[in-house]
Amino acid sequence: MSGKPIAKIAELRNLGKVSQAWLNDAGIYTEADLRAIGAEEAYIRVWLRGHRPSLNLLYALYASIHNMKWNEIPPDVKARLKSAVEGVVESVHKRR
């Protein structure tokens, strides 16, 4: 089998040790895992595991998937990402 090796979360740009620990706790171990579920779902899974990440994690996840620096994300994309996760977080709070 040839091809690119599967990158672990810690090898992705924008993500550090704390992000790796939170993502691993949420069952996300590799770049392939992250790409399969997307930034929004990964952020929500981390949040549902009891961690309380800032929106910077969401932006870092998105940027990692798109191989860019988190601060290069256009404002409209940041707004869309924020809106997507805030709706879920708010819904969970209402059910508790």
PDB file of N, CA and C in Angstrom:
ATOM      1  N   MET A   1       0.855  -1.168   0.000  1.00  0.00           N
ATOM      2  CA  MET A   1       0.000   0.000   0.000  1.00  0.00           C
ATOM      3  C   MET A   1       0.904   1.235   0.000  1.00  0.00           C
ATOM      4  N   SER A   2       0.656   2.130  -0.909  1.00  0.00           N
ATOM      5  CA  SER A   2       1.445   3.356  -0.959  1.00  0.00           C
ATOM      6  C   SER A   2       0.553   4.542  -0.664  1.00  0.00           C
ATOM      7  N   GLY A   3       1.171   5.687  -0.578  1.00  0.00           N
ATOM      8  CA  GLY A   3       0.402   6.899  -0.324  1.00  0.00           C
ATOM      9  C   GLY A   3       0.900   7.601   0.908  1.00  0.00           C
ATOM     10  N   LYS A   4       0.224   8.672   1.198  1.00  0.00           N
ATOM     11  CA  LYS A   4       0.593   9.512   2.331  1.00  0.00           C
ATOM     12  C   LYS A   4       0.222   8.823   3.647  1.00  0.00           C
ATOM     13  N   PRO A   5       1.141   8.825   4.631  1.00  0.00           N
ATOM     14  CA  PRO A   5       0.793   8.253   5.930  1.00  0.00           C
ATOM     15  C   PRO A   5      -0.328   9.064   6.590  1.00  0.00           C
ATOM     16  N   ILE A   6      -1.076   8.424   7.434  1.00  0.00           N
ATOM     17  CA  ILE A   6      -2.169   9.097   8.128  1.00  0.00           C
ATOM     18  C   ILE A   6      -1.583   9.973   9.230  1.00  0.00           C
ATOM     19  N   ALA A   7      -1.874  11.259   9.170  1.00  0.00           N
ATOM     20  CA  ALA A   7      -1.359  12.200  10.162  1.00  0.00           C
ATOM     21  C   ALA A   7      -2.174  12.109  11.445  1.00  0.00           C
ATOM     22  N   LYS A   8      -1.468  12.109  12.546  1.00  0.00           N
ATOM     23  CA  LYS A   8      -2.122  12.169  13.846  1.00  0.00           C
ATOM     24  C   LYS A   8      -2.498  13.619  14.123  1.00  0.00           C
ATOM     25  N   ILE A   9      -3.463  13.804  14.986  1.00  0.00           N
ATOM     26  CA  ILE A   9      -3.949  15.147  15.305  1.00  0.00           C
ATOM     27  C   ILE A   9      -2.800  16.078  15.703  1.00  0.00           C
ATOM     28  N   ALA A  10      -1.876  15.594  16.504  1.00  0.00           N
ATOM     29  CA  ALA A  10      -0.777  16.435  16.985  1.00  0.00           C
ATOM     30  C   ALA A  10       0.127  16.926  15.859  1.00  0.00           C
ATOM     31  N   GLU A  11       0.079  16.275  14.714  1.00  0.00           N
ATOM     32  CA  GLU A  11       0.921  16.662  13.584  1.00  0.00           C
ATOM     33  C   GLU A  11       0.293  17.756  12.724  1.00  0.00           C
ATOM     34  N   LEU A  12      -0.963  18.066  12.955  1.00  0.00           N
ATOM     35  CA  LEU A  12      -1.653  19.068  12.149  1.00  0.00           C
ATOM     36  C   LEU A  12      -1.341  20.471  12.643  1.00  0.00           C
ATOM     37  N   ARG A  13      -1.235  21.400  11.706  1.00  0.00           N
ATOM     38  CA  ARG A  13      -0.980  22.790  12.094  1.00  0.00           C
ATOM     39  C   ARG A  13      -2.199  23.334  12.822  1.00  0.00           C
ATOM     40  N   ASN A  14      -1.960  24.265  13.687  1.00  0.00           N
ATOM     41  CA  ASN A  14      -2.974  24.954  14.480  1.00  0.00           C
ATOM     42  C   ASN A  14      -3.425  24.207  15.731  1.00  0.00           C
ATOM     43  N   LEU A  15      -3.060  22.931  15.881  1.00  0.00           N
ATOM     44  CA  LEU A  15      -3.542  22.149  17.012  1.00  0.00           C
ATOM     45  C   LEU A  15      -2.381  21.734  17.912  1.00  0.00           C
ATOM     46  N   GLY A  16      -2.554  21.950  19.207  1.00  0.00           N
ATOM     47  CA  GLY A  16      -1.511  21.613  20.169  1.00  0.00           C
ATOM     48  C   GLY A  16      -1.904  20.441  21.054  1.00  0.00           C
ATOM     49  N   LYS A  17      -1.188  20.313  22.155  1.00  0.00           N
ATOM     50  CA  LYS A  17      -1.378  19.171  23.054  1.00  0.00           C
ATOM     51  C   LYS A  17      -2.756  19.142  23.709  1.00  0.00           C
ATOM     52  N   VAL A  18      -3.240  20.288  24.132  1.00  0.00           N
ATOM     53  CA  VAL A  18      -4.563  20.322  24.764  1.00  0.00           C
ATOM     54  C   VAL A  18      -5.632  19.955  23.744  1.00  0.00           C
ATOM     55  N   SER A  19      -5.544  20.526  22.559  1.00  0.00           N
ATOM     56  CA  SER A  19      -6.503  20.185  21.495  1.00  0.00           C
ATOM     57  C   SER A  19      -6.450  18.696  21.194  1.00  0.00           C
ATOM     58  N   GLN A  20      -5.256  18.156  21.112  1.00  0.00           N
ATOM     59  CA  GLN A  20      -5.102  16.726  20.844  1.00  0.00           C
ATOM     60  C   GLN A  20      -5.776  15.894  21.933  1.00  0.00           C
ATOM     61  N   ALA A  21      -5.547  16.248  23.178  1.00  0.00           N
ATOM     62  CA  ALA A  21      -6.148  15.496  24.282  1.00  0.00           C
ATOM     63  C   ALA A  21      -7.671  15.550  24.220  1.00  0.00           C
ATOM     64  N   TRP A  22      -8.213  16.729  23.975  1.00  0.00           N
ATOM     65  CA  TRP A  22      -9.672  16.873  23.895  1.00  0.00           C
ATOM     66  C   TRP A  22     -10.234  16.087  22.721  1.00  0.00           C
ATOM     67  N   LEU A  23      -9.584  16.190  21.575  1.00  0.00           N
ATOM     68  CA  LEU A  23     -10.062  15.467  20.388  1.00  0.00           C
ATOM     69  C   LEU A  23      -9.958  13.955  20.592  1.00  0.00           C
ATOM     70  N   ASN A  24      -8.866  13.498  21.165  1.00  0.00           N
ATOM     71  CA  ASN A  24      -8.722  12.071  21.451  1.00  0.00           C
ATOM     72  C   ASN A  24      -9.819  11.604  22.401  1.00  0.00           C
ATOM     73  N   ASP A  25     -10.125  12.413  23.412  1.00  0.00           N
ATOM     74  CA  ASP A  25     -11.194  12.085  24.351  1.00  0.00           C
ATOM     75  C   ASP A  25     -12.539  11.955  23.647  1.00  0.00           C
ATOM     76  N   ALA A  26     -12.685  12.701  22.556  1.00  0.00           N
ATOM     77  CA  ALA A  26     -13.928  12.665  21.769  1.00  0.00           C
ATOM     78  C   ALA A  26     -13.877  11.606  20.657  1.00  0.00           C
ATOM     79  N   GLY A  27     -12.809  10.786  20.638  1.00  0.00           N
ATOM     80  CA  GLY A  27     -12.712   9.705  19.658  1.00  0.00           C
ATOM     81  C   GLY A  27     -12.127  10.120  18.318  1.00  0.00           C
ATOM     82  N   ILE A  28     -11.456  11.239  18.286  1.00  0.00           N
ATOM     83  CA  ILE A  28     -10.871  11.759  17.041  1.00  0.00           C
ATOM     84  C   ILE A  28      -9.353  11.695  17.193  1.00  0.00           C
ATOM     85  N   TYR A  29      -8.716  10.840  16.396  1.00  0.00           N
ATOM     86  CA  TYR A  29      -7.291  10.571  16.570  1.00  0.00           C
ATOM     87  C   TYR A  29      -6.422  10.975  15.379  1.00  0.00           C
ATOM     88  N   THR A  30      -7.015  11.071  14.222  1.00  0.00           N
ATOM     89  CA  THR A  30      -6.220  11.306  13.019  1.00  0.00           C
ATOM     90  C   THR A  30      -6.830  12.407  12.153  1.00  0.00           C
ATOM     91  N   GLU A  31      -6.028  12.849  11.206  1.00  0.00           N
ATOM     92  CA  GLU A  31      -6.519  13.819  10.226  1.00  0.00           C
ATOM     93  C   GLU A  31      -7.720  13.240   9.480  1.00  0.00           C
ATOM     94  N   ALA A  32      -7.650  11.956   9.169  1.00  0.00           N
ATOM     95  CA  ALA A  32      -8.767  11.314   8.461  1.00  0.00           C
ATOM     96  C   ALA A  32     -10.039  11.355   9.298  1.00  0.00           C
ATOM     97  N   ASP A  33      -9.919  11.100  10.607  1.00  0.00           N
ATOM     98  CA  ASP A  33     -11.088  11.193  11.491  1.00  0.00           C
ATOM     99  C   ASP A  33     -11.682  12.597  11.439  1.00  0.00           C
ATOM    100  N   LEU A  34     -10.806  13.595  11.555  1.00  0.00           N
ATOM    101  CA  LEU A  34     -11.254  14.988  11.562  1.00  0.00           C
ATOM    102  C   LEU A  34     -11.912  15.369  10.243  1.00  0.00           C
ATOM    103  N   ARG A  35     -11.297  14.992   9.141  1.00  0.00           N
ATOM    104  CA  ARG A  35     -11.868  15.309   7.831  1.00  0.00           C
ATOM    105  C   ARG A  35     -13.221  14.624   7.637  1.00  0.00           C
ATOM    106  N   ALA A  36     -13.360  13.401   8.144  1.00  0.00           N
ATOM    107  CA  ALA A  36     -14.602  12.648   7.958  1.00  0.00           C
ATOM    108  C   ALA A  36     -15.793  13.299   8.650  1.00  0.00           C
ATOM    109  N   ILE A  37     -15.556  13.919   9.804  1.00  0.00           N
ATOM    110  CA  ILE A  37     -16.690  14.498  10.532  1.00  0.00           C
ATOM    111  C   ILE A  37     -16.772  16.016  10.406  1.00  0.00           C
ATOM    112  N   GLY A  38     -15.681  16.666  10.070  1.00  0.00           N
ATOM    113  CA  GLY A  38     -15.686  18.113   9.897  1.00  0.00           C
ATOM    114  C   GLY A  38     -15.430  18.871  11.190  1.00  0.00           C
ATOM    115  N   ALA A  39     -15.099  20.125  11.035  1.00  0.00           N
ATOM    116  CA  ALA A  39     -14.730  20.968  12.168  1.00  0.00           C
ATOM    117  C   ALA A  39     -15.879  21.168  13.148  1.00  0.00           C
ATOM    118  N   GLU A  40     -17.066  21.432  12.627  1.00  0.00           N
ATOM    119  CA  GLU A  40     -18.201  21.699  13.507  1.00  0.00           C
ATOM    120  C   GLU A  40     -18.531  20.494  14.372  1.00  0.00           C
ATOM    121  N   GLU A  41     -18.616  19.326  13.756  1.00  0.00           N
ATOM    122  CA  GLU A  41     -18.940  18.111  14.510  1.00  0.00           C
ATOM    123  C   GLU A  41     -17.842  17.777  15.508  1.00  0.00           C
ATOM    124  N   ALA A  42     -16.586  17.958  15.124  1.00  0.00           N
ATOM    125  CA  ALA A  42     -15.480  17.691  16.049  1.00  0.00           C
ATOM    126  C   ALA A  42     -15.571  18.610  17.266  1.00  0.00           C
ATOM    127  N   TYR A  43     -15.815  19.881  17.033  1.00  0.00           N
ATOM    128  CA  TYR A  43     -15.958  20.853  18.122  1.00  0.00           C
ATOM    129  C   TYR A  43     -17.110  20.445  19.041  1.00  0.00           C
ATOM    130  N   ILE A  44     -18.237  20.084  18.470  1.00  0.00           N
ATOM    131  CA  ILE A  44     -19.406  19.700  19.274  1.00  0.00           C
ATOM    132  C   ILE A  44     -19.111  18.443  20.081  1.00  0.00           C
ATOM    133  N   ARG A  45     -18.429  17.475  19.495  1.00  0.00           N
ATOM    134  CA  ARG A  45     -18.080  16.256  20.239  1.00  0.00           C
ATOM    135  C   ARG A  45     -17.164  16.568  21.417  1.00  0.00           C
ATOM    136  N   VAL A  46     -16.213  17.467  21.209  1.00  0.00           N
ATOM    137  CA  VAL A  46     -15.333  17.889  22.306  1.00  0.00           C
ATOM    138  C   VAL A  46     -16.170  18.548  23.397  1.00  0.00           C
ATOM    139  N   TRP A  47     -17.061  19.433  22.996  1.00  0.00           N
ATOM    140  CA  TRP A  47     -17.921  20.145  23.947  1.00  0.00           C
ATOM    141  C   TRP A  47     -18.812  19.170  24.718  1.00  0.00           C
ATOM    142  N   LEU A  48     -19.372  18.187  24.023  1.00  0.00           N
ATOM    143  CA  LEU A  48     -20.250  17.217  24.681  1.00  0.00           C
ATOM    144  C   LEU A  48     -19.508  16.305  25.653  1.00  0.00           C
ATOM    145  N   ARG A  49     -18.201  16.183  25.500  1.00  0.00           N
ATOM    146  CA  ARG A  49     -17.385  15.384  26.423  1.00  0.00           C
ATOM    147  C   ARG A  49     -17.082  16.153  27.708  1.00  0.00           C
ATOM    148  N   GLY A  50     -17.566  17.387  27.814  1.00  0.00           N
ATOM    149  CA  GLY A  50     -17.401  18.151  29.030  1.00  0.00           C
ATOM    150  C   GLY A  50     -16.309  19.200  28.977  1.00  0.00           C
ATOM    151  N   HIS A  51     -15.590  19.266  27.884  1.00  0.00           N
ATOM    152  CA  HIS A  51     -14.582  20.310  27.729  1.00  0.00           C
ATOM    153  C   HIS A  51     -15.302  21.579  27.290  1.00  0.00           C
ATOM    154  N   ARG A  52     -14.743  22.707  27.587  1.00  0.00           N
ATOM    155  CA  ARG A  52     -15.374  23.960  27.207  1.00  0.00           C
ATOM    156  C   ARG A  52     -14.393  24.788  26.370  1.00  0.00           C
ATOM    157  N   PRO A  53     -14.197  24.360  25.133  1.00  0.00           N
ATOM    158  CA  PRO A  53     -13.263  25.075  24.265  1.00  0.00           C
ATOM    159  C   PRO A  53     -13.817  26.421  23.820  1.00  0.00           C
ATOM    160  N   SER A  54     -12.915  27.313  23.532  1.00  0.00           N
ATOM    161  CA  SER A  54     -13.330  28.589  22.948  1.00  0.00           C
ATOM    162  C   SER A  54     -13.552  28.374  21.449  1.00  0.00           C
ATOM    163  N   LEU A  55     -14.057  29.391  20.809  1.00  0.00           N
ATOM    164  CA  LEU A  55     -14.254  29.310  19.360  1.00  0.00           C
ATOM    165  C   LEU A  55     -12.930  29.182  18.613  1.00  0.00           C
ATOM    166  N   ASN A  56     -11.827  29.518  19.277  1.00  0.00           N
ATOM    167  CA  ASN A  56     -10.523  29.358  18.629  1.00  0.00           C
ATOM    168  C   ASN A  56     -10.274  27.906  18.238  1.00  0.00           C
ATOM    169  N   LEU A  57     -10.769  26.956  19.042  1.00  0.00           N
ATOM    170  CA  LEU A  57     -10.607  25.543  18.663  1.00  0.00           C
ATOM    171  C   LEU A  57     -11.373  25.269  17.375  1.00  0.00           C
ATOM    172  N   LEU A  58     -12.570  25.761  17.274  1.00  0.00           N
ATOM    173  CA  LEU A  58     -13.370  25.562  16.064  1.00  0.00           C
ATOM    174  C   LEU A  58     -12.633  26.095  14.843  1.00  0.00           C
ATOM    175  N   TYR A  59     -12.095  27.292  14.970  1.00  0.00           N
ATOM    176  CA  TYR A  59     -11.375  27.889  13.850  1.00  0.00           C
ATOM    177  C   TYR A  59     -10.095  27.107  13.538  1.00  0.00           C
ATOM    178  N   ALA A  60      -9.410  26.628  14.569  1.00  0.00           N
ATOM    179  CA  ALA A  60      -8.190  25.842  14.358  1.00  0.00           C
ATOM    180  C   ALA A  60      -8.510  24.520  13.656  1.00  0.00           C
ATOM    181  N   LEU A  61      -9.618  23.903  14.020  1.00  0.00           N
ATOM    182  CA  LEU A  61     -10.032  22.653  13.375  1.00  0.00           C
ATOM    183  C   LEU A  61     -10.312  22.882  11.892  1.00  0.00           C
ATOM    184  N   TYR A  62     -11.086  23.914  11.609  1.00  0.00           N
ATOM    185  CA  TYR A  62     -11.403  24.240  10.218  1.00  0.00           C
ATOM    186  C   TYR A  62     -10.131  24.512   9.430  1.00  0.00           C
ATOM    187  N   ALA A  63      -9.258  25.332  10.005  1.00  0.00           N
ATOM    188  CA  ALA A  63      -8.014  25.685   9.323  1.00  0.00           C
ATOM    189  C   ALA A  63      -7.129  24.466   9.102  1.00  0.00           C
ATOM    190  N   SER A  64      -7.104  23.563  10.060  1.00  0.00           N
ATOM    191  CA  SER A  64      -6.303  22.344   9.908  1.00  0.00           C
ATOM    192  C   SER A  64      -6.812  21.494   8.753  1.00  0.00           C
ATOM    193  N   ILE A  65      -8.105  21.372   8.650  1.00  0.00           N
ATOM    194  CA  ILE A  65      -8.702  20.600   7.552  1.00  0.00           C
ATOM    195  C   ILE A  65      -8.365  21.228   6.207  1.00  0.00           C
ATOM    196  N   HIS A  66      -8.306  22.547   6.160  1.00  0.00           N
ATOM    197  CA  HIS A  66      -8.065  23.274   4.909  1.00  0.00           C
ATOM    198  C   HIS A  66      -6.612  23.708   4.721  1.00  0.00           C
ATOM    199  N   ASN A  67      -5.741  23.194   5.590  1.00  0.00           N
ATOM    200  CA  ASN A  67      -4.304  23.452   5.512  1.00  0.00           C
ATOM    201  C   ASN A  67      -3.984  24.946   5.386  1.00  0.00           C
ATOM    202  N   MET A  68      -4.529  25.689   6.341  1.00  0.00           N
ATOM    203  CA  MET A  68      -4.298  27.129   6.371  1.00  0.00           C
ATOM    204  C   MET A  68      -4.092  27.560   7.817  1.00  0.00           C
ATOM    205  N   LYS A  69      -3.643  28.770   8.023  1.00  0.00           N
ATOM    206  CA  LYS A  69      -3.542  29.327   9.367  1.00  0.00           C
ATOM    207  C   LYS A  69      -4.940  29.725   9.825  1.00  0.00           C
ATOM    208  N   TRP A  70      -5.214  29.549  11.111  1.00  0.00           N
ATOM    209  CA  TRP A  70      -6.565  29.837  11.607  1.00  0.00           C
ATOM    210  C   TRP A  70      -6.948  31.297  11.378  1.00  0.00           C
ATOM    211  N   ASN A  71      -5.965  32.203  11.407  1.00  0.00           N
ATOM    212  CA  ASN A  71      -6.315  33.617  11.239  1.00  0.00           C
ATOM    213  C   ASN A  71      -6.474  34.019   9.769  1.00  0.00           C
ATOM    214  N   GLU A  72      -6.370  33.062   8.861  1.00  0.00           N
ATOM    215  CA  GLU A  72      -6.628  33.312   7.440  1.00  0.00           C
ATOM    216  C   GLU A  72      -8.068  32.986   7.045  1.00  0.00           C
ATOM    217  N   ILE A  73      -8.840  32.485   7.975  1.00  0.00           N
ATOM    218  CA  ILE A  73     -10.233  32.128   7.682  1.00  0.00           C
ATOM    219  C   ILE A  73     -11.019  33.412   7.437  1.00  0.00           C
ATOM    220  N   PRO A  74     -11.735  33.491   6.318  1.00  0.00           N
ATOM    221  CA  PRO A  74     -12.522  34.696   6.032  1.00  0.00           C
ATOM    222  C   PRO A  74     -13.611  34.924   7.091  1.00  0.00           C
ATOM    223  N   PRO A  75     -13.923  36.177   7.391  1.00  0.00           N
ATOM    224  CA  PRO A  75     -14.934  36.487   8.410  1.00  0.00           C
ATOM    225  C   PRO A  75     -16.283  35.809   8.178  1.00  0.00           C
ATOM    226  N   ASP A  76     -16.712  35.687   6.929  1.00  0.00           N
ATOM    227  CA  ASP A  76     -18.010  35.057   6.677  1.00  0.00           C
ATOM    228  C   ASP A  76     -17.980  33.574   7.023  1.00  0.00           C
ATOM    229  N   VAL A  77     -16.855  32.921   6.824  1.00  0.00           N
ATOM    230  CA  VAL A  77     -16.727  31.505   7.183  1.00  0.00           C
ATOM    231  C   VAL A  77     -16.712  31.371   8.701  1.00  0.00           C
ATOM    232  N   LYS A  78     -15.987  32.248   9.386  1.00  0.00           N
ATOM    233  CA  LYS A  78     -15.980  32.219  10.849  1.00  0.00           C
ATOM    234  C   LYS A  78     -17.397  32.398  11.394  1.00  0.00           C
ATOM    235  N   ALA A  79     -18.141  33.305  10.811  1.00  0.00           N
ATOM    236  CA  ALA A  79     -19.518  33.553  11.260  1.00  0.00           C
ATOM    237  C   ALA A  79     -20.389  32.318  11.053  1.00  0.00           C
ATOM    238  N   ARG A  80     -20.230  31.654   9.910  1.00  0.00           N
ATOM    239  CA  ARG A  80     -21.003  30.442   9.636  1.00  0.00           C
ATOM    240  C   ARG A  80     -20.649  29.331  10.624  1.00  0.00           C
ATOM    241  N   LEU A  81     -19.364  29.139  10.882  1.00  0.00           N
ATOM    242  CA  LEU A  81     -18.919  28.119  11.826  1.00  0.00           C
ATOM    243  C   LEU A  81     -19.479  28.395  13.224  1.00  0.00           C
ATOM    244  N   LYS A  82     -19.353  29.640  13.653  1.00  0.00           N
ATOM    245  CA  LYS A  82     -19.842  30.039  14.977  1.00  0.00           C
ATOM    246  C   LYS A  82     -21.335  29.787  15.101  1.00  0.00           C
ATOM    247  N   SER A  83     -22.078  30.174  14.101  1.00  0.00           N
ATOM    248  CA  SER A  83     -23.522  29.981  14.116  1.00  0.00           C
ATOM    249  C   SER A  83     -23.889  28.500  14.190  1.00  0.00           C
ATOM    250  N   ALA A  84     -23.167  27.672  13.459  1.00  0.00           N
ATOM    251  CA  ALA A  84     -23.464  26.234  13.433  1.00  0.00           C
ATOM    252  C   ALA A  84     -23.292  25.596  14.801  1.00  0.00           C
ATOM    253  N   VAL A  85     -22.227  25.925  15.498  1.00  0.00           N
ATOM    254  CA  VAL A  85     -22.006  25.270  16.798  1.00  0.00           C
ATOM    255  C   VAL A  85     -22.814  25.917  17.907  1.00  0.00           C
ATOM    256  N   GLU A  86     -23.039  27.213  17.839  1.00  0.00           N
ATOM    257  CA  GLU A  86     -23.810  27.867  18.895  1.00  0.00           C
ATOM    258  C   GLU A  86     -25.235  27.352  18.947  1.00  0.00           C
ATOM    259  N   GLY A  87     -25.808  27.039  17.798  1.00  0.00           N
ATOM    260  CA  GLY A  87     -27.160  26.494  17.784  1.00  0.00           C
ATOM    261  C   GLY A  87     -27.245  25.158  18.496  1.00  0.00           C
ATOM    262  N   VAL A  88     -26.269  24.313  18.306  1.00  0.00           N
ATOM    263  CA  VAL A  88     -26.263  23.001  18.958  1.00  0.00           C
ATOM    264  C   VAL A  88     -26.022  23.148  20.456  1.00  0.00           C
ATOM    265  N   VAL A  89     -25.043  23.964  20.817  1.00  0.00           N
ATOM    266  CA  VAL A  89     -24.730  24.171  22.230  1.00  0.00           C
ATOM    267  C   VAL A  89     -25.938  24.740  22.960  1.00  0.00           C
ATOM    268  N   GLU A  90     -26.601  25.707  22.359  1.00  0.00           N
ATOM    269  CA  GLU A  90     -27.792  26.303  22.961  1.00  0.00           C
ATOM    270  C   GLU A  90     -28.902  25.264  23.119  1.00  0.00           C
ATOM    271  N   SER A  91     -29.091  24.426  22.134  1.00  0.00           N
ATOM    272  CA  SER A  91     -30.113  23.382  22.188  1.00  0.00           C
ATOM    273  C   SER A  91     -29.843  22.397  23.319  1.00  0.00           C
ATOM    274  N   VAL A  92     -28.585  22.026  23.502  1.00  0.00           N
ATOM    275  CA  VAL A  92     -28.222  21.096  24.571  1.00  0.00           C
ATOM    276  C   VAL A  92     -28.504  21.729  25.939  1.00  0.00           C
ATOM    277  N   HIS A  93     -28.155  23.003  26.076  1.00  0.00           N
ATOM    278  CA  HIS A  93     -28.412  23.706  27.345  1.00  0.00           C
ATOM    279  C   HIS A  93     -29.899  23.722  27.678  1.00  0.00           C
ATOM    280  N   LYS A  94     -30.739  23.904  26.673  1.00  0.00           N
ATOM    281  CA  LYS A  94     -32.178  23.964  26.904  1.00  0.00           C
ATOM    282  C   LYS A  94     -32.734  22.622  27.373  1.00  0.00           C
ATOM    283  N   ARG A  95     -32.107  21.518  26.902  1.00  0.00           N
ATOM    284  CA  ARG A  95     -32.586  20.187  27.286  1.00  0.00           C
ATOM    285  C   ARG A  95     -32.148  19.784  28.680  1.00  0.00           C
ATOM    286  N   ARG A  96     -31.164  20.468  29.247  1.00  0.00           N
ATOM    287  CA  ARG A  96     -30.644  20.082  30.570  1.00  0.00           C
ATOM    288  C   ARG A  96     -31.411  20.725  31.678  1.00  0.00           C
TER     289      ARG A  96
END
